Amino acid sequence: RTRPGKEGLSHPYDWEPLGALCLS
């Protein structure tokens, strides 16, 4: 996943995927 960054660039970030981790 990405989120908008400065000057419209795509800025990456990673959060734990809790939903998938619960299923796992």
mmCIF file of all heavy atoms, coordinates in Angstrom:
data_MODEL
# 
_entry.id   MODEL 
# 
loop_
_atom_site.group_PDB 
_atom_site.id 
_atom_site.type_symbol 
_atom_site.label_atom_id 
_atom_site.label_alt_id 
_atom_site.label_comp_id 
_atom_site.label_asym_id 
_atom_site.label_entity_id 
_atom_site.label_seq_id 
_atom_site.pdbx_PDB_ins_code 
_atom_site.Cartn_x 
_atom_site.Cartn_y 
_atom_site.Cartn_z 
_atom_site.occupancy 
_atom_site.B_iso_or_equiv 
_atom_site.pdbx_formal_charge 
_atom_site.auth_seq_id 
_atom_site.auth_comp_id 
_atom_site.auth_asym_id 
_atom_site.auth_atom_id 
_atom_site.pdbx_PDB_model_num 
ATOM 1   N N   . ARG A 1 1  ? 0.839  -1.189  0.000  1.00 0.00 ? 1  ARG A N   1 
ATOM 2   C CA  . ARG A 1 1  ? 0.000  0.000   0.000  1.00 0.00 ? 1  ARG A CA  1 
ATOM 3   C C   . ARG A 1 1  ? 0.872  1.236   0.000  1.00 0.00 ? 1  ARG A C   1 
ATOM 4   O O   . ARG A 1 1  ? 2.031  1.208   0.386  1.00 0.00 ? 1  ARG A O   1 
ATOM 5   C CB  . ARG A 1 1  ? -0.917 0.007   1.219  1.00 0.00 ? 1  ARG A CB  1 
ATOM 6   C CG  . ARG A 1 1  ? -0.187 0.019   2.543  1.00 0.00 ? 1  ARG A CG  1 
ATOM 7   C CD  . ARG A 1 1  ? -1.120 -0.189  3.716  1.00 0.00 ? 1  ARG A CD  1 
ATOM 8   N NE  . ARG A 1 1  ? -2.076 0.895   3.849  1.00 0.00 ? 1  ARG A NE  1 
ATOM 9   C CZ  . ARG A 1 1  ? -3.035 0.900   4.775  1.00 0.00 ? 1  ARG A CZ  1 
ATOM 10  N NH1 . ARG A 1 1  ? -3.163 -0.106  5.622  1.00 0.00 ? 1  ARG A NH1 1 
ATOM 11  N NH2 . ARG A 1 1  ? -3.876 1.920   4.860  1.00 0.00 ? 1  ARG A NH2 1 
ATOM 12  N N   . THR A 1 2  ? 0.296  2.352   -0.470 1.00 0.00 ? 2  THR A N   1 
ATOM 13  C CA  . THR A 1 2  ? 0.998  3.625   -0.496 1.00 0.00 ? 2  THR A CA  1 
ATOM 14  C C   . THR A 1 2  ? 0.050  4.708   -0.049 1.00 0.00 ? 2  THR A C   1 
ATOM 15  O O   . THR A 1 2  ? -1.157 4.532   0.001  1.00 0.00 ? 2  THR A O   1 
ATOM 16  C CB  . THR A 1 2  ? 1.503  3.965   -1.914 1.00 0.00 ? 2  THR A CB  1 
ATOM 17  O OG1 . THR A 1 2  ? 0.381  4.027   -2.792 1.00 0.00 ? 2  THR A OG1 1 
ATOM 18  C CG2 . THR A 1 2  ? 2.502  2.938   -2.407 1.00 0.00 ? 2  THR A CG2 1 
ATOM 19  N N   . ARG A 1 3  ? 0.601  5.850   0.296  1.00 0.00 ? 3  ARG A N   1 
ATOM 20  C CA  . ARG A 1 3  ? -0.226 7.013   0.589  1.00 0.00 ? 3  ARG A CA  1 
ATOM 21  C C   . ARG A 1 3  ? 0.378  8.219   -0.102 1.00 0.00 ? 3  ARG A C   1 
ATOM 22  O O   . ARG A 1 3  ? 1.576  8.241   -0.423 1.00 0.00 ? 3  ARG A O   1 
ATOM 23  C CB  . ARG A 1 3  ? -0.297 7.278   2.101  1.00 0.00 ? 3  ARG A CB  1 
ATOM 24  C CG  . ARG A 1 3  ? 1.000  7.740   2.739  1.00 0.00 ? 3  ARG A CG  1 
ATOM 25  C CD  . ARG A 1 3  ? 0.747  8.114   4.189  1.00 0.00 ? 3  ARG A CD  1 
ATOM 26  N NE  . ARG A 1 3  ? 1.973  8.441   4.890  1.00 0.00 ? 3  ARG A NE  1 
ATOM 27  C CZ  . ARG A 1 3  ? 2.569  9.618   4.879  1.00 0.00 ? 3  ARG A CZ  1 
ATOM 28  N NH1 . ARG A 1 3  ? 2.051  10.595  4.164  1.00 0.00 ? 3  ARG A NH1 1 
ATOM 29  N NH2 . ARG A 1 3  ? 3.676  9.829   5.553  1.00 0.00 ? 3  ARG A NH2 1 
ATOM 30  N N   . PRO A 1 4  ? -0.406 9.259   -0.383 1.00 0.00 ? 4  PRO A N   1 
ATOM 31  C CA  . PRO A 1 4  ? 0.131  10.431  -1.055 1.00 0.00 ? 4  PRO A CA  1 
ATOM 32  C C   . PRO A 1 4  ? 1.246  11.077  -0.241 1.00 0.00 ? 4  PRO A C   1 
ATOM 33  O O   . PRO A 1 4  ? 1.163  11.183  0.973  1.00 0.00 ? 4  PRO A O   1 
ATOM 34  C CB  . PRO A 1 4  ? -1.084 11.366  -1.161 1.00 0.00 ? 4  PRO A CB  1 
ATOM 35  C CG  . PRO A 1 4  ? -2.261 10.460  -1.042 1.00 0.00 ? 4  PRO A CG  1 
ATOM 36  C CD  . PRO A 1 4  ? -1.838 9.354   -0.128 1.00 0.00 ? 4  PRO A CD  1 
ATOM 37  N N   . GLY A 1 5  ? 2.313  11.462  -0.929 1.00 0.00 ? 5  GLY A N   1 
ATOM 38  C CA  . GLY A 1 5  ? 3.413  12.138  -0.266 1.00 0.00 ? 5  GLY A CA  1 
ATOM 39  C C   . GLY A 1 5  ? 3.555  13.557  -0.780 1.00 0.00 ? 5  GLY A C   1 
ATOM 40  O O   . GLY A 1 5  ? 2.667  14.103  -1.432 1.00 0.00 ? 5  GLY A O   1 
ATOM 41  N N   . LYS A 1 6  ? 4.684  14.150  -0.495 1.00 0.00 ? 6  LYS A N   1 
ATOM 42  C CA  . LYS A 1 6  ? 4.917  15.521  -0.925 1.00 0.00 ? 6  LYS A CA  1 
ATOM 43  C C   . LYS A 1 6  ? 4.896  15.615  -2.447 1.00 0.00 ? 6  LYS A C   1 
ATOM 44  O O   . LYS A 1 6  ? 5.348  14.717  -3.157 1.00 0.00 ? 6  LYS A O   1 
ATOM 45  C CB  . LYS A 1 6  ? 6.266  15.999  -0.391 1.00 0.00 ? 6  LYS A CB  1 
ATOM 46  C CG  . LYS A 1 6  ? 6.297  16.146  1.126  1.00 0.00 ? 6  LYS A CG  1 
ATOM 47  C CD  . LYS A 1 6  ? 7.656  16.650  1.589  1.00 0.00 ? 6  LYS A CD  1 
ATOM 48  C CE  . LYS A 1 6  ? 7.685  16.828  3.106  1.00 0.00 ? 6  LYS A CE  1 
ATOM 49  N NZ  . LYS A 1 6  ? 8.999  17.297  3.567  1.00 0.00 ? 6  LYS A NZ  1 
ATOM 50  N N   . GLU A 1 7  ? 4.350  16.688  -2.935 1.00 0.00 ? 7  GLU A N   1 
ATOM 51  C CA  . GLU A 1 7  ? 4.295  16.978  -4.358 1.00 0.00 ? 7  GLU A CA  1 
ATOM 52  C C   . GLU A 1 7  ? 3.584  15.876  -5.137 1.00 0.00 ? 7  GLU A C   1 
ATOM 53  O O   . GLU A 1 7  ? 3.893  15.588  -6.288 1.00 0.00 ? 7  GLU A O   1 
ATOM 54  C CB  . GLU A 1 7  ? 5.714  17.190  -4.913 1.00 0.00 ? 7  GLU A CB  1 
ATOM 55  C CG  . GLU A 1 7  ? 6.436  18.356  -4.228 1.00 0.00 ? 7  GLU A CG  1 
ATOM 56  C CD  . GLU A 1 7  ? 7.865  18.487  -4.710 1.00 0.00 ? 7  GLU A CD  1 
ATOM 57  O OE1 . GLU A 1 7  ? 8.293  17.637  -5.507 1.00 0.00 ? 7  GLU A OE1 1 
ATOM 58  O OE2 . GLU A 1 7  ? 8.539  19.441  -4.299 1.00 0.00 ? 7  GLU A OE2 1 
ATOM 59  N N   . GLY A 1 8  ? 2.613  15.237  -4.479 1.00 0.00 ? 8  GLY A N   1 
ATOM 60  C CA  . GLY A 1 8  ? 1.820  14.226  -5.165 1.00 0.00 ? 8  GLY A CA  1 
ATOM 61  C C   . GLY A 1 8  ? 2.505  12.897  -5.357 1.00 0.00 ? 8  GLY A C   1 
ATOM 62  O O   . GLY A 1 8  ? 1.974  12.011  -6.011 1.00 0.00 ? 8  GLY A O   1 
ATOM 63  N N   . LEU A 1 9  ? 3.702  12.732  -4.800 1.00 0.00 ? 9  LEU A N   1 
ATOM 64  C CA  . LEU A 1 9  ? 4.404  11.460  -4.960 1.00 0.00 ? 9  LEU A CA  1 
ATOM 65  C C   . LEU A 1 9  ? 3.772  10.393  -4.086 1.00 0.00 ? 9  LEU A C   1 
ATOM 66  O O   . LEU A 1 9  ? 3.094  10.684  -3.104 1.00 0.00 ? 9  LEU A O   1 
ATOM 67  C CB  . LEU A 1 9  ? 5.886  11.630  -4.587 1.00 0.00 ? 9  LEU A CB  1 
ATOM 68  C CG  . LEU A 1 9  ? 6.666  12.631  -5.436 1.00 0.00 ? 9  LEU A CG  1 
ATOM 69  C CD1 . LEU A 1 9  ? 8.091  12.767  -4.910 1.00 0.00 ? 9  LEU A CD1 1 
ATOM 70  C CD2 . LEU A 1 9  ? 6.689  12.191  -6.889 1.00 0.00 ? 9  LEU A CD2 1 
ATOM 71  N N   . SER A 1 10 ? 4.010  9.160   -4.447 1.00 0.00 ? 10 SER A N   1 
ATOM 72  C CA  . SER A 1 10 ? 3.480  8.049   -3.670 1.00 0.00 ? 10 SER A CA  1 
ATOM 73  C C   . SER A 1 10 ? 4.474  7.689   -2.580 1.00 0.00 ? 10 SER A C   1 
ATOM 74  O O   . SER A 1 10 ? 5.630  7.416   -2.853 1.00 0.00 ? 10 SER A O   1 
ATOM 75  C CB  . SER A 1 10 ? 3.243  6.844   -4.586 1.00 0.00 ? 10 SER A CB  1 
ATOM 76  O OG  . SER A 1 10 ? 2.678  5.786   -3.878 1.00 0.00 ? 10 SER A OG  1 
ATOM 77  N N   . HIS A 1 11 ? 4.027  7.734   -1.338 1.00 0.00 ? 11 HIS A N   1 
ATOM 78  C CA  . HIS A 1 11 ? 4.927  7.527   -0.199 1.00 0.00 ? 11 HIS A CA  1 
ATOM 79  C C   . HIS A 1 11 ? 4.564  6.218   0.488  1.00 0.00 ? 11 HIS A C   1 
ATOM 80  O O   . HIS A 1 11 ? 3.443  6.050   0.960  1.00 0.00 ? 11 HIS A O   1 
ATOM 81  C CB  . HIS A 1 11 ? 4.792  8.687   0.782  1.00 0.00 ? 11 HIS A CB  1 
ATOM 82  C CG  . HIS A 1 11 ? 5.910  8.756   1.768  1.00 0.00 ? 11 HIS A CG  1 
ATOM 83  N ND1 . HIS A 1 11 ? 6.835  9.755   1.760  1.00 0.00 ? 11 HIS A ND1 1 
ATOM 84  C CD2 . HIS A 1 11 ? 6.269  7.922   2.775  1.00 0.00 ? 11 HIS A CD2 1 
ATOM 85  C CE1 . HIS A 1 11 ? 7.706  9.568   2.741  1.00 0.00 ? 11 HIS A CE1 1 
ATOM 86  N NE2 . HIS A 1 11 ? 7.370  8.447   3.359  1.00 0.00 ? 11 HIS A NE2 1 
ATOM 87  N N   . PRO A 1 12 ? 5.477  5.226   0.532  1.00 0.00 ? 12 PRO A N   1 
ATOM 88  C CA  . PRO A 1 12 ? 5.151  3.920   1.098  1.00 0.00 ? 12 PRO A CA  1 
ATOM 89  C C   . PRO A 1 12 ? 5.104  3.941   2.618  1.00 0.00 ? 12 PRO A C   1 
ATOM 90  O O   . PRO A 1 12 ? 5.799  4.694   3.273  1.00 0.00 ? 12 PRO A O   1 
ATOM 91  C CB  . PRO A 1 12 ? 6.304  3.041   0.611  1.00 0.00 ? 12 PRO A CB  1 
ATOM 92  C CG  . PRO A 1 12 ? 7.460  3.980   0.486  1.00 0.00 ? 12 PRO A CG  1 
ATOM 93  C CD  . PRO A 1 12 ? 6.862  5.300   0.041  1.00 0.00 ? 12 PRO A CD  1 
ATOM 94  N N   . TYR A 1 13 ? 4.260  3.087   3.158  1.00 0.00 ? 13 TYR A N   1 
ATOM 95  C CA  . TYR A 1 13 ? 4.269  2.843   4.594  1.00 0.00 ? 13 TYR A CA  1 
ATOM 96  C C   . TYR A 1 13 ? 3.662  1.481   4.867  1.00 0.00 ? 13 TYR A C   1 
ATOM 97  O O   . TYR A 1 13 ? 2.880  0.970   4.069  1.00 0.00 ? 13 TYR A O   1 
ATOM 98  C CB  . TYR A 1 13 ? 3.530  3.931   5.366  1.00 0.00 ? 13 TYR A CB  1 
ATOM 99  C CG  . TYR A 1 13 ? 2.028  3.946   5.197  1.00 0.00 ? 13 TYR A CG  1 
ATOM 100 C CD1 . TYR A 1 13 ? 1.188  3.716   6.276  1.00 0.00 ? 13 TYR A CD1 1 
ATOM 101 C CD2 . TYR A 1 13 ? 1.448  4.196   3.958  1.00 0.00 ? 13 TYR A CD2 1 
ATOM 102 C CE1 . TYR A 1 13 ? -0.190 3.754   6.128  1.00 0.00 ? 13 TYR A CE1 1 
ATOM 103 C CE2 . TYR A 1 13 ? 0.082  4.234   3.807  1.00 0.00 ? 13 TYR A CE2 1 
ATOM 104 C CZ  . TYR A 1 13 ? -0.733 4.010   4.901  1.00 0.00 ? 13 TYR A CZ  1 
ATOM 105 O OH  . TYR A 1 13 ? -2.088 4.034   4.755  1.00 0.00 ? 13 TYR A OH  1 
ATOM 106 N N   . ASP A 1 14 ? 4.048  0.888   5.962  1.00 0.00 ? 14 ASP A N   1 
ATOM 107 C CA  . ASP A 1 14 ? 3.622  -0.460  6.280  1.00 0.00 ? 14 ASP A CA  1 
ATOM 108 C C   . ASP A 1 14 ? 3.083  -0.515  7.699  1.00 0.00 ? 14 ASP A C   1 
ATOM 109 O O   . ASP A 1 14 ? 3.780  -0.148  8.640  1.00 0.00 ? 14 ASP A O   1 
ATOM 110 C CB  . ASP A 1 14 ? 4.797  -1.442  6.151  1.00 0.00 ? 14 ASP A CB  1 
ATOM 111 C CG  . ASP A 1 14 ? 5.353  -1.495  4.736  1.00 0.00 ? 14 ASP A CG  1 
ATOM 112 O OD1 . ASP A 1 14 ? 4.560  -1.733  3.813  1.00 0.00 ? 14 ASP A OD1 1 
ATOM 113 O OD2 . ASP A 1 14 ? 6.561  -1.296  4.564  1.00 0.00 ? 14 ASP A OD2 1 
ATOM 114 N N   . TRP A 1 15 ? 1.848  -0.977  7.827  1.00 0.00 ? 15 TRP A N   1 
ATOM 115 C CA  . TRP A 1 15 ? 1.259  -1.235  9.133  1.00 0.00 ? 15 TRP A CA  1 
ATOM 116 C C   . TRP A 1 15 ? 0.963  -2.723  9.225  1.00 0.00 ? 15 TRP A C   1 
ATOM 117 O O   . TRP A 1 15 ? 0.695  -3.380  8.232  1.00 0.00 ? 15 TRP A O   1 
ATOM 118 C CB  . TRP A 1 15 ? -0.027 -0.441  9.324  1.00 0.00 ? 15 TRP A CB  1 
ATOM 119 C CG  . TRP A 1 15 ? 0.152  1.039   9.286  1.00 0.00 ? 15 TRP A CG  1 
ATOM 120 C CD1 . TRP A 1 15 ? -0.053 1.859   8.214  1.00 0.00 ? 15 TRP A CD1 1 
ATOM 121 C CD2 . TRP A 1 15 ? 0.585  1.888   10.354 1.00 0.00 ? 15 TRP A CD2 1 
ATOM 122 N NE1 . TRP A 1 15 ? 0.209  3.167   8.552  1.00 0.00 ? 15 TRP A NE1 1 
ATOM 123 C CE2 . TRP A 1 15 ? 0.605  3.216   9.865  1.00 0.00 ? 15 TRP A CE2 1 
ATOM 124 C CE3 . TRP A 1 15 ? 0.939  1.651   11.685 1.00 0.00 ? 15 TRP A CE3 1 
ATOM 125 C CZ2 . TRP A 1 15 ? 0.983  4.293   10.645 1.00 0.00 ? 15 TRP A CZ2 1 
ATOM 126 C CZ3 . TRP A 1 15 ? 1.310  2.729   12.468 1.00 0.00 ? 15 TRP A CZ3 1 
ATOM 127 C CH2 . TRP A 1 15 ? 1.325  4.037   11.954 1.00 0.00 ? 15 TRP A CH2 1 
ATOM 128 N N   . GLU A 1 16 ? 0.989  -3.227  10.428 1.00 0.00 ? 16 GLU A N   1 
ATOM 129 C CA  . GLU A 1 16 ? 0.657  -4.636  10.597 1.00 0.00 ? 16 GLU A CA  1 
ATOM 130 C C   . GLU A 1 16 ? -0.739 -4.929  10.041 1.00 0.00 ? 16 GLU A C   1 
ATOM 131 O O   . GLU A 1 16 ? -1.698 -4.238  10.376 1.00 0.00 ? 16 GLU A O   1 
ATOM 132 C CB  . GLU A 1 16 ? 0.674  -5.007  12.081 1.00 0.00 ? 16 GLU A CB  1 
ATOM 133 C CG  . GLU A 1 16 ? 2.035  -5.238  12.667 1.00 0.00 ? 16 GLU A CG  1 
ATOM 134 C CD  . GLU A 1 16 ? 1.910  -5.772  14.077 1.00 0.00 ? 16 GLU A CD  1 
ATOM 135 O OE1 . GLU A 1 16 ? 1.387  -5.052  14.939 1.00 0.00 ? 16 GLU A OE1 1 
ATOM 136 O OE2 . GLU A 1 16 ? 2.331  -6.916  14.313 1.00 0.00 ? 16 GLU A OE2 1 
ATOM 137 N N   . PRO A 1 17 ? -0.881 -5.964  9.237  1.00 0.00 ? 17 PRO A N   1 
ATOM 138 C CA  . PRO A 1 17 ? -2.202 -6.329  8.688  1.00 0.00 ? 17 PRO A CA  1 
ATOM 139 C C   . PRO A 1 17 ? -2.982 -7.161  9.708  1.00 0.00 ? 17 PRO A C   1 
ATOM 140 O O   . PRO A 1 17 ? -3.054 -8.386  9.625  1.00 0.00 ? 17 PRO A O   1 
ATOM 141 C CB  . PRO A 1 17 ? -1.833 -7.152  7.448  1.00 0.00 ? 17 PRO A CB  1 
ATOM 142 C CG  . PRO A 1 17 ? -0.528 -7.793  7.813  1.00 0.00 ? 17 PRO A CG  1 
ATOM 143 C CD  . PRO A 1 17 ? 0.199  -6.802  8.686  1.00 0.00 ? 17 PRO A CD  1 
ATOM 144 N N   . LEU A 1 18 ? -3.591 -6.480  10.671 1.00 0.00 ? 18 LEU A N   1 
ATOM 145 C CA  . LEU A 1 18 ? -4.195 -7.190  11.800 1.00 0.00 ? 18 LEU A CA  1 
ATOM 146 C C   . LEU A 1 18 ? -5.286 -8.165  11.371 1.00 0.00 ? 18 LEU A C   1 
ATOM 147 O O   . LEU A 1 18 ? -5.434 -9.238  11.958 1.00 0.00 ? 18 LEU A O   1 
ATOM 148 C CB  . LEU A 1 18 ? -4.759 -6.188  12.813 1.00 0.00 ? 18 LEU A CB  1 
ATOM 149 C CG  . LEU A 1 18 ? -3.757 -5.560  13.780 1.00 0.00 ? 18 LEU A CG  1 
ATOM 150 C CD1 . LEU A 1 18 ? -4.472 -4.607  14.727 1.00 0.00 ? 18 LEU A CD1 1 
ATOM 151 C CD2 . LEU A 1 18 ? -3.015 -6.623  14.566 1.00 0.00 ? 18 LEU A CD2 1 
ATOM 152 N N   . GLY A 1 19 ? -6.068 -7.801  10.361 1.00 0.00 ? 19 GLY A N   1 
ATOM 153 C CA  . GLY A 1 19 ? -7.124 -8.702  9.920  1.00 0.00 ? 19 GLY A CA  1 
ATOM 154 C C   . GLY A 1 19 ? -6.560 -10.036 9.464  1.00 0.00 ? 19 GLY A C   1 
ATOM 155 O O   . GLY A 1 19 ? -7.032 -11.108 9.870  1.00 0.00 ? 19 GLY A O   1 
ATOM 156 N N   . ALA A 1 20 ? -5.543 -9.987  8.609  1.00 0.00 ? 20 ALA A N   1 
ATOM 157 C CA  . ALA A 1 20 ? -4.927 -11.218 8.120  1.00 0.00 ? 20 ALA A CA  1 
ATOM 158 C C   . ALA A 1 20 ? -4.222 -11.973 9.234  1.00 0.00 ? 20 ALA A C   1 
ATOM 159 O O   . ALA A 1 20 ? -4.221 -13.209 9.262  1.00 0.00 ? 20 ALA A O   1 
ATOM 160 C CB  . ALA A 1 20 ? -3.943 -10.892 6.992  1.00 0.00 ? 20 ALA A CB  1 
ATOM 161 N N   . LEU A 1 21 ? -3.622 -11.239 10.161 1.00 0.00 ? 21 LEU A N   1 
ATOM 162 C CA  . LEU A 1 21 ? -2.929 -11.895 11.265 1.00 0.00 ? 21 LEU A CA  1 
ATOM 163 C C   . LEU A 1 21 ? -3.909 -12.590 12.200 1.00 0.00 ? 21 LEU A C   1 
ATOM 164 O O   . LEU A 1 21 ? -3.598 -13.632 12.785 1.00 0.00 ? 21 LEU A O   1 
ATOM 165 C CB  . LEU A 1 21 ? -2.084 -10.880 12.034 1.00 0.00 ? 21 LEU A CB  1 
ATOM 166 C CG  . LEU A 1 21 ? -0.965 -10.202 11.234 1.00 0.00 ? 21 LEU A CG  1 
ATOM 167 C CD1 . LEU A 1 21 ? -0.168 -9.255  12.121 1.00 0.00 ? 21 LEU A CD1 1 
ATOM 168 C CD2 . LEU A 1 21 ? -0.052 -11.222 10.597 1.00 0.00 ? 21 LEU A CD2 1 
ATOM 169 N N   . CYS A 1 22 ? -5.107 -12.021 12.343 1.00 0.00 ? 22 CYS A N   1 
ATOM 170 C CA  . CYS A 1 22 ? -6.150 -12.692 13.127 1.00 0.00 ? 22 CYS A CA  1 
ATOM 171 C C   . CYS A 1 22 ? -6.597 -13.977 12.433 1.00 0.00 ? 22 CYS A C   1 
ATOM 172 O O   . CYS A 1 22 ? -6.770 -15.023 13.081 1.00 0.00 ? 22 CYS A O   1 
ATOM 173 C CB  . CYS A 1 22 ? -7.344 -11.760 13.326 1.00 0.00 ? 22 CYS A CB  1 
ATOM 174 S SG  . CYS A 1 22 ? -7.063 -10.409 14.492 1.00 0.00 ? 22 CYS A SG  1 
ATOM 175 N N   . LEU A 1 23 ? -6.790 -13.914 11.117 1.00 0.00 ? 23 LEU A N   1 
ATOM 176 C CA  . LEU A 1 23 ? -7.168 -15.112 10.374 1.00 0.00 ? 23 LEU A CA  1 
ATOM 177 C C   . LEU A 1 23 ? -6.079 -16.177 10.465 1.00 0.00 ? 23 LEU A C   1 
ATOM 178 O O   . LEU A 1 23 ? -6.368 -17.370 10.623 1.00 0.00 ? 23 LEU A O   1 
ATOM 179 C CB  . LEU A 1 23 ? -7.419 -14.767 8.905  1.00 0.00 ? 23 LEU A CB  1 
ATOM 180 C CG  . LEU A 1 23 ? -8.738 -14.097 8.556  1.00 0.00 ? 23 LEU A CG  1 
ATOM 181 C CD1 . LEU A 1 23 ? -8.768 -13.770 7.066  1.00 0.00 ? 23 LEU A CD1 1 
ATOM 182 C CD2 . LEU A 1 23 ? -9.915 -14.988 8.920  1.00 0.00 ? 23 LEU A CD2 1 
ATOM 183 N N   . SER A 1 24 ? -4.842 -15.754 10.340 1.00 0.00 ? 24 SER A N   1 
ATOM 184 C CA  . SER A 1 24 ? -3.731 -16.697 10.422 1.00 0.00 ? 24 SER A CA  1 
ATOM 185 C C   . SER A 1 24 ? -3.721 -17.428 11.760 1.00 0.00 ? 24 SER A C   1 
ATOM 186 O O   . SER A 1 24 ? -3.622 -18.658 11.816 1.00 0.00 ? 24 SER A O   1 
ATOM 187 C CB  . SER A 1 24 ? -2.404 -15.953 10.218 1.00 0.00 ? 24 SER A CB  1 
ATOM 188 O OG  . SER A 1 24 ? -1.306 -16.804 10.477 1.00 0.00 ? 24 SER A OG  1 
# 
